[in-house]
C-alpha cells in the first residue's frame, strides 16, 4: 500500500505559523505565513497575522505593507488593525 503524499495547504502553513509564533520562533513563523501566501496570495488571515507580528517586532514598514494587503482583501478588518496595531500609520 503506497503512502499518500499530503501537500500542505495555506491553512496548514497558517497553523504552523501560529504554533511557531506561540513558541517565540518569530522568524520561522513569518516564513510559514509567507509559505501560506505563496499558495494563496489572497489569504487575508496570513496577511493580517504577518502584519501583527511585524508590528510586534518593530518592523513597521513591513507591517504597513501587510496591512495594505489585508485591507485590500478585507476592508472591514480595519477595526482589527486599529485594535491590534493602534499607532500604525498605513
C-alpha atoms as a PDB file:
ATOM      1  CA  UNK A   1       0.000   0.000   0.000  1.00  0.00           C
ATOM      2  CA  UNK A   2       1.552   3.276  -1.105  1.00  0.00           C
ATOM      3  CA  UNK A   3       1.664   6.162   1.330  1.00  0.00           C
ATOM      4  CA  UNK A   4      -0.474   9.100   0.356  1.00  0.00           C
ATOM      5  CA  UNK A   5       1.507  12.309  -0.027  1.00  0.00           C
ATOM      6  CA  UNK A   6      -0.169  15.287   1.555  1.00  0.00           C
ATOM      7  CA  UNK A   7       0.809  18.683   0.216  1.00  0.00           C
ATOM      8  CA  UNK A   8       0.424  21.491   2.706  1.00  0.00           C
ATOM      9  CA  UNK A   9      -2.327  23.997   2.080  1.00  0.00           C
ATOM     10  CA  UNK A  10      -2.364  27.658   3.018  1.00  0.00           C
ATOM     11  CA  UNK A  11      -4.356  26.621   6.095  1.00  0.00           C
ATOM     12  CA  UNK A  12      -1.667  24.124   7.096  1.00  0.00           C
ATOM     13  CA  UNK A  13       1.068  26.754   6.778  1.00  0.00           C
ATOM     14  CA  UNK A  14      -1.061  29.239   8.732  1.00  0.00           C
ATOM     15  CA  UNK A  15      -1.462  26.705  11.558  1.00  0.00           C
ATOM     16  CA  UNK A  16       2.289  26.038  11.566  1.00  0.00           C
ATOM     17  CA  UNK A  17       2.937  29.786  11.729  1.00  0.00           C
ATOM     18  CA  UNK A  18       0.616  30.229  14.711  1.00  0.00           C
ATOM     19  CA  UNK A  19       2.347  27.405  16.614  1.00  0.00           C
ATOM     20  CA  UNK A  20       5.791  28.823  15.848  1.00  0.00           C
ATOM     21  CA  UNK A  21       4.645  32.266  16.927  1.00  0.00           C
ATOM     22  CA  UNK A  22       3.407  30.975  20.295  1.00  0.00           C
ATOM     23  CA  UNK A  23       6.774  29.251  20.772  1.00  0.00           C
ATOM     24  CA  UNK A  24       8.626  32.527  20.196  1.00  0.00           C
ATOM     25  CA  UNK A  25      10.033  31.366  16.856  1.00  0.00           C
ATOM     26  CA  UNK A  26       9.130  34.628  15.144  1.00  0.00           C
ATOM     27  CA  UNK A  27      11.327  34.450  12.034  1.00  0.00           C
ATOM     28  CA  UNK A  28      10.176  30.900  11.303  1.00  0.00           C
ATOM     29  CA  UNK A  29       6.571  31.992  11.863  1.00  0.00           C
ATOM     30  CA  UNK A  30       6.999  34.777   9.312  1.00  0.00           C
ATOM     31  CA  UNK A  31       8.410  32.235   6.859  1.00  0.00           C
ATOM     32  CA  UNK A  32       5.409  29.949   7.404  1.00  0.00           C
ATOM     33  CA  UNK A  33       2.971  32.840   6.833  1.00  0.00           C
ATOM     34  CA  UNK A  34       4.880  33.616   3.624  1.00  0.00           C
ATOM     35  CA  UNK A  35       4.557  29.979   2.529  1.00  0.00           C
ATOM     36  CA  UNK A  36       0.788  30.156   3.009  1.00  0.00           C
ATOM     37  CA  UNK A  37       0.710  33.277   0.841  1.00  0.00           C
ATOM     38  CA  UNK A  38       2.722  31.570  -1.912  1.00  0.00           C
ATOM     39  CA  UNK A  39      -0.141  29.087  -2.153  1.00  0.00           C
ATOM     40  CA  UNK A  40      -2.916  31.664  -1.851  1.00  0.00           C
ATOM     41  CA  UNK A  41      -1.875  35.332  -2.127  1.00  0.00           C
ATOM     42  CA  UNK A  42      -5.430  36.331  -1.209  1.00  0.00           C
ATOM     43  CA  UNK A  43      -5.439  34.545   2.155  1.00  0.00           C
ATOM     44  CA  UNK A  44      -6.165  37.614   4.277  1.00  0.00           C
ATOM     45  CA  UNK A  45      -5.634  35.888   7.634  1.00  0.00           C
ATOM     46  CA  UNK A  46      -1.970  35.324   6.843  1.00  0.00           C
ATOM     47  CA  UNK A  47      -1.532  38.927   5.711  1.00  0.00           C
ATOM     48  CA  UNK A  48      -3.154  40.171   8.927  1.00  0.00           C
ATOM     49  CA  UNK A  49      -1.203  37.979  11.333  1.00  0.00           C
ATOM     50  CA  UNK A  50       2.007  38.650   9.447  1.00  0.00           C
ATOM     51  CA  UNK A  51       1.308  42.389   9.835  1.00  0.00           C
ATOM     52  CA  UNK A  52       0.635  41.924  13.529  1.00  0.00           C
ATOM     53  CA  UNK A  53       3.883  40.012  14.061  1.00  0.00           C
ATOM     54  CA  UNK A  54       5.951  42.553  12.103  1.00  0.00           C
ATOM     55  CA  UNK A  55       4.323  45.265  14.213  1.00  0.00           C
ATOM     56  CA  UNK A  56       5.204  43.465  17.451  1.00  0.00           C
ATOM     57  CA  UNK A  57       8.798  43.110  16.235  1.00  0.00           C
ATOM     58  CA  UNK A  58       9.004  46.839  15.457  1.00  0.00           C
ATOM     59  CA  UNK A  59       9.215  46.244  11.695  1.00  0.00           C
ATOM     60  CA  UNK A  60       6.756  48.992  10.829  1.00  0.00           C
ATOM     61  CA  UNK A  61       7.380  49.237   7.081  1.00  0.00           C
ATOM     62  CA  UNK A  62       6.765  45.516   6.671  1.00  0.00           C
ATOM     63  CA  UNK A  63       3.712  45.722   8.931  1.00  0.00           C
ATOM     64  CA  UNK A  64       2.291  48.562   6.818  1.00  0.00           C
ATOM     65  CA  UNK A  65       2.756  46.573   3.623  1.00  0.00           C
ATOM     66  CA  UNK A  66       0.964  43.566   5.106  1.00  0.00           C
ATOM     67  CA  UNK A  67      -1.850  45.768   6.442  1.00  0.00           C
ATOM     68  CA  UNK A  68      -2.378  47.238   2.982  1.00  0.00           C
ATOM     69  CA  UNK A  69      -2.727  43.750   1.527  1.00  0.00           C
ATOM     70  CA  UNK A  70      -5.075  42.761   4.341  1.00  0.00           C
ATOM     71  CA  UNK A  71      -7.355  45.742   3.816  1.00  0.00           C
ATOM     72  CA  UNK A  72      -7.409  45.326   0.035  1.00  0.00           C
ATOM     73  CA  UNK A  73      -8.815  41.850   0.625  1.00  0.00           C
ATOM     74  CA  UNK A  74     -10.913  42.527   3.731  1.00  0.00           C
ATOM     75  CA  UNK A  75     -11.738  46.245   4.124  1.00  0.00           C
ATOM     76  CA  UNK A  76     -13.972  45.512   7.120  1.00  0.00           C
ATOM     77  CA  UNK A  77     -10.941  44.294   9.064  1.00  0.00           C
ATOM     78  CA  UNK A  78      -9.843  47.901   9.580  1.00  0.00           C
ATOM     79  CA  UNK A  79     -11.263  47.728  13.107  1.00  0.00           C
ATOM     80  CA  UNK A  80      -8.956  44.803  13.913  1.00  0.00           C
ATOM     81  CA  UNK A  81      -5.961  46.644  12.514  1.00  0.00           C
ATOM     82  CA  UNK A  82      -6.824  49.639  14.677  1.00  0.00           C
ATOM     83  CA  UNK A  83      -7.334  47.420  17.733  1.00  0.00           C
ATOM     84  CA  UNK A  84      -4.122  45.394  17.490  1.00  0.00           C
ATOM     85  CA  UNK A  85      -1.845  47.952  15.794  1.00  0.00           C
ATOM     86  CA  UNK A  86      -3.265  51.234  17.113  1.00  0.00           C
ATOM     87  CA  UNK A  87      -0.391  53.571  16.294  1.00  0.00           C
ATOM     88  CA  UNK A  88       0.485  52.110  12.889  1.00  0.00           C
ATOM     89  CA  UNK A  89       0.203  54.722  10.145  1.00  0.00           C
ATOM     90  CA  UNK A  90      -0.599  52.881   6.923  1.00  0.00           C
END
